[in-house]
Amino acid sequence: MNKKLQKSIFLYAFSVVVAVFTLAPFIWMFITSVTYPKALTSLPLQLIPRQITFDRYINIFTGTGTSNPAYVFRVSMSNSIIVALCVTALSLIVGTLAAYAFARLRFRFKDSLILLTIFTYMIPPIVLILPMYTIFNSFGMVNTKPVLVILYLSIVIPFIVWVMQGFFVSLSKTYEEAAEIDGCNRFQTFYRIFLPIARPGLIATGLLAFLMSWDEFFFALIFTSNLDAKTITVAISEFNGKYSIDYGMISAAGVIASVVPMLIVLLFQRYIVTGMTAGGVKE
């Protein structure tokens, strides 16, 4: 057996091991979601259930009434989608323009401002939670979707500025010189030249912005308590009852909540890898 074949066998075996350990929690979560409650607490534990049920999934998509946790989860999922889409769109517009300004323009205190922007991303949210809650409560914005959008933007925009600024810096000055010769102003240069080149980076950061908003739990837990703004992460945590825990329903909700990020990654994985590693012509 030659060394090339041995290397291939090792790489495939290692990939299989990594895939098993990566997918095992999700597979077990799915098995738990279709297992009857009695089988979940039986000893010895049944790794492969003898009987399965999809009643939990049916309840999630058809249940009604605000007292029904499955209905609360469904409404919360729609809230999460709305908030995540708003955050993604707004953060891309603001973050990309700011990143371009930091990368290609010269102005006073530029280095200090970029460091300050990144520093806001590094501050633990728990440090600011009390003053932010006081401020938003005084404006009557607690338990609303806009407050979550604003809070998530404070996290996502610095991230996009940090990523896209490095992307724009890597682009050659010849693009700007060619655009200037053709009579483009600064905004036209950004819109017609840099934005198309930065499309892979925009898609990658946009997907990451959506996932960051989709998975956020701390702000959603503190600032929401009703169905008007409650997100999917908070709804899943509320499946824990006072005297019992519905492991099956938690797992079913977890499977559904995981489907959206998984589909996004599978559909756009090429853009994620390319956008986070590629740039223009290096100087």
Protein backbone atom coordinates (compact mmCIF):
# COMPACT_ATOMS: atom_id res chain seq x y z
CA MET A 1 0.00 0.00 0.00
CA ASN A 2 1.57 3.28 -1.13
CA LYS A 3 1.76 6.39 1.01
CA LYS A 4 -0.83 8.29 -1.06
CA LEU A 5 -3.44 5.59 -0.51
CA GLN A 6 -2.62 5.41 3.20
CA LYS A 7 -3.02 9.17 3.50
CA SER A 8 -6.39 9.05 1.72
CA ILE A 9 -7.65 6.25 3.97
CA PHE A 10 -6.53 8.15 7.07
CA LEU A 11 -8.21 11.38 5.91
CA TYR A 12 -11.49 9.62 5.11
CA ALA A 13 -11.43 7.74 8.43
CA PHE A 14 -10.70 10.94 10.33
CA SER A 15 -13.51 12.74 8.46
CA VAL A 16 -15.96 9.97 9.38
CA VAL A 17 -14.97 10.18 13.07
CA VAL A 18 -15.36 13.97 13.08
CA ALA A 19 -18.74 13.71 11.31
CA VAL A 20 -19.99 11.12 13.81
CA PHE A 21 -19.02 13.21 16.84
CA THR A 22 -20.41 16.36 15.22
CA LEU A 23 -23.76 14.86 14.21
CA ALA A 24 -24.24 12.63 17.26
CA PRO A 25 -25.89 15.34 19.45
CA PHE A 26 -28.29 16.31 16.66
CA ILE A 27 -29.15 12.67 15.91
CA TRP A 28 -29.81 11.99 19.60
CA MET A 29 -31.93 15.14 19.81
CA PHE A 30 -34.03 13.91 16.88
CA ILE A 31 -34.39 10.44 18.43
CA THR A 32 -35.52 12.02 21.69
CA SER A 33 -38.05 14.18 19.84
CA VAL A 34 -39.82 11.14 18.33
CA THR A 35 -39.64 8.90 21.42
CA TYR A 36 -42.60 8.43 23.76
CA PRO A 37 -42.16 10.09 27.19
CA LYS A 38 -42.22 6.78 29.05
CA ALA A 39 -39.38 5.38 26.95
CA LEU A 40 -37.24 8.46 27.66
CA THR A 41 -37.18 7.69 31.39
CA SER A 42 -37.04 3.91 31.17
CA LEU A 43 -34.05 1.88 32.32
CA PRO A 44 -32.03 0.72 30.55
CA LEU A 45 -32.14 3.64 28.15
CA GLN A 46 -33.38 2.79 24.66
CA LEU A 47 -30.91 4.22 22.16
CA ILE A 48 -33.20 3.07 19.35
CA PRO A 49 -36.87 3.46 20.38
CA ARG A 50 -39.23 0.58 19.66
CA GLN A 51 -42.05 3.00 18.88
CA ILE A 52 -41.88 6.53 17.55
CA THR A 53 -44.32 9.41 17.40
CA PHE A 54 -44.39 12.69 15.49
CA ASP A 55 -47.13 14.17 17.65
CA ARG A 56 -44.76 16.81 19.04
CA TYR A 57 -43.99 18.18 15.57
CA ILE A 58 -47.67 18.12 14.63
CA ASN A 59 -48.50 19.98 17.85
CA ILE A 60 -45.87 22.63 17.15
CA PHE A 61 -47.30 23.44 13.72
CA THR A 62 -51.00 23.03 14.53
CA GLY A 63 -51.37 23.83 18.26
CA THR A 64 -53.39 26.87 19.30
CA GLY A 65 -53.85 28.90 22.46
CA THR A 66 -51.36 31.08 24.29
CA SER A 67 -51.19 28.51 27.10
CA ASN A 68 -49.90 25.88 24.66
CA PRO A 69 -46.07 25.87 24.66
CA ALA A 70 -46.04 24.53 21.10
CA TYR A 71 -48.09 27.50 19.87
CA VAL A 72 -45.81 29.89 21.78
CA PHE A 73 -42.82 28.28 20.10
CA ARG A 74 -44.34 28.70 16.63
CA VAL A 75 -45.06 32.40 17.19
CA SER A 76 -41.61 32.89 18.70
CA MET A 77 -40.03 31.31 15.65
CA SER A 78 -41.73 33.86 13.40
CA ASN A 79 -40.51 36.63 15.73
CA SER A 80 -36.95 35.32 15.46
CA ILE A 81 -37.13 35.26 11.66
CA ILE A 82 -38.42 38.85 11.50
CA VAL A 83 -35.82 40.16 13.96
CA ALA A 84 -32.94 38.27 12.33
CA LEU A 85 -33.85 39.49 8.83
CA CYS A 86 -34.15 43.11 9.99
CA VAL A 87 -30.83 42.93 11.82
CA THR A 88 -29.11 41.34 8.83
CA ALA A 89 -30.36 43.96 6.37
CA LEU A 90 -29.65 46.99 8.57
CA SER A 91 -26.28 45.75 9.79
CA LEU A 92 -25.09 45.05 6.24
CA ILE A 93 -26.05 48.55 5.08
CA VAL A 94 -24.51 50.39 8.04
CA GLY A 95 -21.58 48.03 8.63
CA THR A 96 -20.50 47.86 4.99
CA LEU A 97 -20.54 51.64 4.54
CA ALA A 98 -18.60 52.11 7.78
CA ALA A 99 -16.10 49.42 6.82
CA TYR A 100 -15.52 51.05 3.44
CA ALA A 101 -14.97 54.43 5.09
CA PHE A 102 -12.47 53.00 7.57
CA ALA A 103 -10.64 51.10 4.84
CA ARG A 104 -10.46 53.61 1.99
CA LEU A 105 -10.93 57.12 3.43
CA ARG A 106 -8.57 59.32 5.39
CA PHE A 107 -9.96 61.33 8.29
CA ARG A 108 -9.00 62.36 11.80
CA PHE A 109 -9.20 59.80 14.62
CA LYS A 110 -9.80 56.96 12.15
CA ASP A 111 -7.63 54.49 14.04
CA SER A 112 -9.20 55.44 17.36
CA LEU A 113 -12.72 55.06 15.97
CA ILE A 114 -12.07 51.63 14.48
CA LEU A 115 -10.59 50.46 17.77
CA LEU A 116 -13.58 51.89 19.64
CA THR A 117 -15.95 50.08 17.29
CA ILE A 118 -14.21 46.77 17.83
CA PHE A 119 -14.05 47.42 21.58
CA THR A 120 -17.84 47.70 21.76
CA TYR A 121 -18.01 44.18 20.33
CA MET A 122 -15.77 42.93 23.15
CA ILE A 123 -17.76 44.40 26.06
CA PRO A 124 -19.68 41.67 27.96
CA PRO A 125 -23.43 42.34 27.54
CA ILE A 126 -24.08 41.74 31.24
CA VAL A 127 -22.07 44.89 32.07
CA LEU A 128 -24.52 47.10 30.16
CA ILE A 129 -27.76 45.24 30.74
CA LEU A 130 -29.03 47.37 33.66
CA PRO A 131 -28.57 50.83 32.11
CA MET A 132 -29.88 49.60 28.74
CA TYR A 133 -32.97 48.11 30.34
CA THR A 134 -33.61 51.37 32.22
CA ILE A 135 -33.26 53.43 29.05
CA PHE A 136 -35.45 51.23 26.85
CA ASN A 137 -38.05 50.82 29.58
CA SER A 138 -38.32 54.61 29.89
CA PHE A 139 -39.14 54.75 26.16
CA GLY A 140 -41.67 51.92 26.47
CA MET A 141 -39.70 49.67 24.13
CA VAL A 142 -39.38 46.62 26.38
CA ASN A 143 -41.25 43.58 25.00
CA THR A 144 -41.05 44.84 21.43
CA LYS A 145 -39.19 43.61 18.35
CA PRO A 146 -37.47 46.98 17.69
CA VAL A 147 -35.61 46.79 21.00
CA LEU A 148 -34.17 43.40 20.02
CA VAL A 149 -33.21 44.75 16.61
CA ILE A 150 -31.35 47.68 18.21
CA LEU A 151 -29.60 45.46 20.75
CA TYR A 152 -28.56 42.91 18.16
CA LEU A 153 -27.28 45.65 15.87
CA SER A 154 -24.96 46.78 18.64
CA ILE A 155 -23.38 43.33 18.49
CA VAL A 156 -23.52 42.56 14.77
CA ILE A 157 -22.44 45.90 13.26
CA PRO A 158 -18.99 45.95 14.94
CA PHE A 159 -18.47 42.38 13.72
CA ILE A 160 -19.35 43.31 10.14
CA VAL A 161 -17.15 46.42 10.28
CA TRP A 162 -14.24 44.33 11.53
CA VAL A 163 -14.61 41.66 8.83
CA MET A 164 -15.45 43.90 5.86
CA GLN A 165 -12.85 46.52 6.74
CA GLY A 166 -10.14 43.92 6.31
CA PHE A 167 -11.74 42.83 3.04
CA PHE A 168 -11.81 46.37 1.61
CA VAL A 169 -8.25 47.08 2.74
CA SER A 170 -7.01 44.10 0.71
CA LEU A 171 -8.35 45.57 -2.55
CA SER A 172 -5.93 47.32 -4.85
CA LYS A 173 -5.93 51.11 -5.29
CA THR A 174 -6.01 50.56 -9.04
CA TYR A 175 -9.77 50.03 -8.78
CA GLU A 176 -10.24 53.52 -7.38
CA GLU A 177 -7.86 55.05 -9.91
CA ALA A 178 -9.68 53.41 -12.82
CA ALA A 179 -13.05 54.56 -11.45
CA GLU A 180 -11.75 58.11 -10.99
CA ILE A 181 -10.54 58.17 -14.59
CA ASP A 182 -14.02 57.14 -15.69
CA GLY A 183 -15.52 60.06 -13.75
CA CYS A 184 -17.02 58.15 -10.80
CA ASN A 185 -17.44 59.94 -7.49
CA ARG A 186 -16.77 58.26 -4.16
CA PHE A 187 -20.22 56.71 -3.79
CA GLN A 188 -20.28 55.51 -7.40
CA THR A 189 -16.89 53.90 -6.87
CA PHE A 190 -18.22 52.10 -3.82
CA TYR A 191 -21.50 51.05 -5.46
CA ARG A 192 -20.23 50.11 -8.91
CA ILE A 193 -16.73 48.79 -8.15
CA PHE A 194 -16.22 47.72 -4.55
CA LEU A 195 -19.68 46.38 -3.76
CA PRO A 196 -19.73 43.79 -6.60
CA ILE A 197 -16.19 42.67 -5.75
CA ALA A 198 -17.11 42.38 -2.08
CA ARG A 199 -20.24 40.31 -2.80
CA PRO A 200 -18.79 37.02 -1.41
CA GLY A 201 -17.77 38.81 1.78
CA LEU A 202 -21.18 40.48 2.05
CA ILE A 203 -22.99 37.17 1.70
CA ALA A 204 -20.73 35.50 4.27
CA THR A 205 -21.04 38.27 6.85
CA GLY A 206 -24.77 38.56 6.18
CA LEU A 207 -25.26 34.86 6.89
CA LEU A 208 -23.19 35.10 10.05
CA ALA A 209 -25.17 38.17 11.12
CA PHE A 210 -28.41 36.22 10.65
CA LEU A 211 -27.10 33.28 12.66
CA MET A 212 -25.85 35.54 15.46
CA SER A 213 -29.31 37.11 15.73
CA TRP A 214 -31.08 33.75 15.45
CA ASP A 215 -29.07 32.16 18.28
CA GLU A 216 -28.98 35.09 20.72
CA PHE A 217 -30.51 34.29 24.10
CA PHE A 218 -29.36 36.70 26.82
CA PHE A 219 -30.88 39.94 25.50
CA ALA A 220 -34.05 38.15 24.40
CA LEU A 221 -34.49 36.64 27.85
CA ILE A 222 -34.11 39.97 29.66
CA PHE A 223 -36.01 42.27 27.30
CA THR A 224 -38.95 40.05 26.25
CA SER A 225 -41.60 38.25 28.24
CA ASN A 226 -44.66 38.08 25.97
CA LEU A 227 -45.54 36.78 22.52
CA ASP A 228 -45.13 40.16 20.86
CA ALA A 229 -41.36 39.81 20.79
CA LYS A 230 -40.35 36.51 22.41
CA THR A 231 -37.76 34.67 20.32
CA ILE A 232 -37.19 31.01 19.64
CA THR A 233 -34.35 30.59 22.14
CA VAL A 234 -36.49 31.90 25.00
CA ALA A 235 -39.45 29.76 23.94
CA ILE A 236 -37.33 26.60 24.04
CA SER A 237 -36.12 27.40 27.56
CA GLU A 238 -39.74 27.71 28.71
CA PHE A 239 -40.47 24.05 27.97
CA ASN A 240 -38.96 23.42 31.41
CA GLY A 241 -41.95 23.10 33.74
CA LYS A 242 -42.05 23.82 37.44
CA TYR A 243 -42.26 20.15 38.41
CA SER A 244 -41.22 18.37 35.22
CA ILE A 245 -39.16 18.82 32.05
CA ASP A 246 -40.57 17.84 28.66
CA TYR A 247 -37.37 16.52 27.10
CA GLY A 248 -39.19 15.36 23.99
CA MET A 249 -40.72 18.76 23.23
CA ILE A 250 -37.43 20.52 23.96
CA SER A 251 -35.71 18.20 21.49
CA ALA A 252 -38.40 18.68 18.85
CA ALA A 253 -38.13 22.45 19.19
CA GLY A 254 -34.34 22.18 19.08
CA VAL A 255 -34.46 20.15 15.86
CA ILE A 256 -36.72 22.73 14.18
CA ALA A 257 -34.57 25.61 15.45
CA SER A 258 -31.47 23.88 14.07
CA VAL A 259 -32.95 23.30 10.62
CA VAL A 260 -32.75 26.98 9.61
CA PRO A 261 -29.01 27.42 10.35
CA MET A 262 -28.26 24.02 8.79
CA LEU A 263 -30.08 24.90 5.57
CA ILE A 264 -28.34 28.27 5.41
CA VAL A 265 -24.91 26.70 5.84
CA LEU A 266 -25.61 23.93 3.31
CA LEU A 267 -26.97 26.32 0.68
CA PHE A 268 -24.35 29.04 1.11
CA GLN A 269 -21.28 27.19 2.39
CA ARG A 270 -19.35 28.10 -0.77
CA TYR A 271 -19.97 31.79 -0.15
CA ILE A 272 -19.09 31.49 3.54
CA VAL A 273 -15.69 29.94 2.83
CA THR A 274 -14.95 32.23 -0.13
CA GLY A 275 -16.19 35.36 1.58
CA MET A 276 -14.13 34.85 4.72
CA THR A 277 -10.91 34.05 2.87
CA ALA A 278 -10.98 35.83 -0.48
CA GLY A 279 -10.20 39.39 -1.42
CA GLY A 280 -9.27 41.40 -4.43
CA VAL A 281 -5.87 41.96 -5.93
CA LYS A 282 -3.40 42.19 -3.07
CA GLU A 283 -1.15 45.19 -2.95
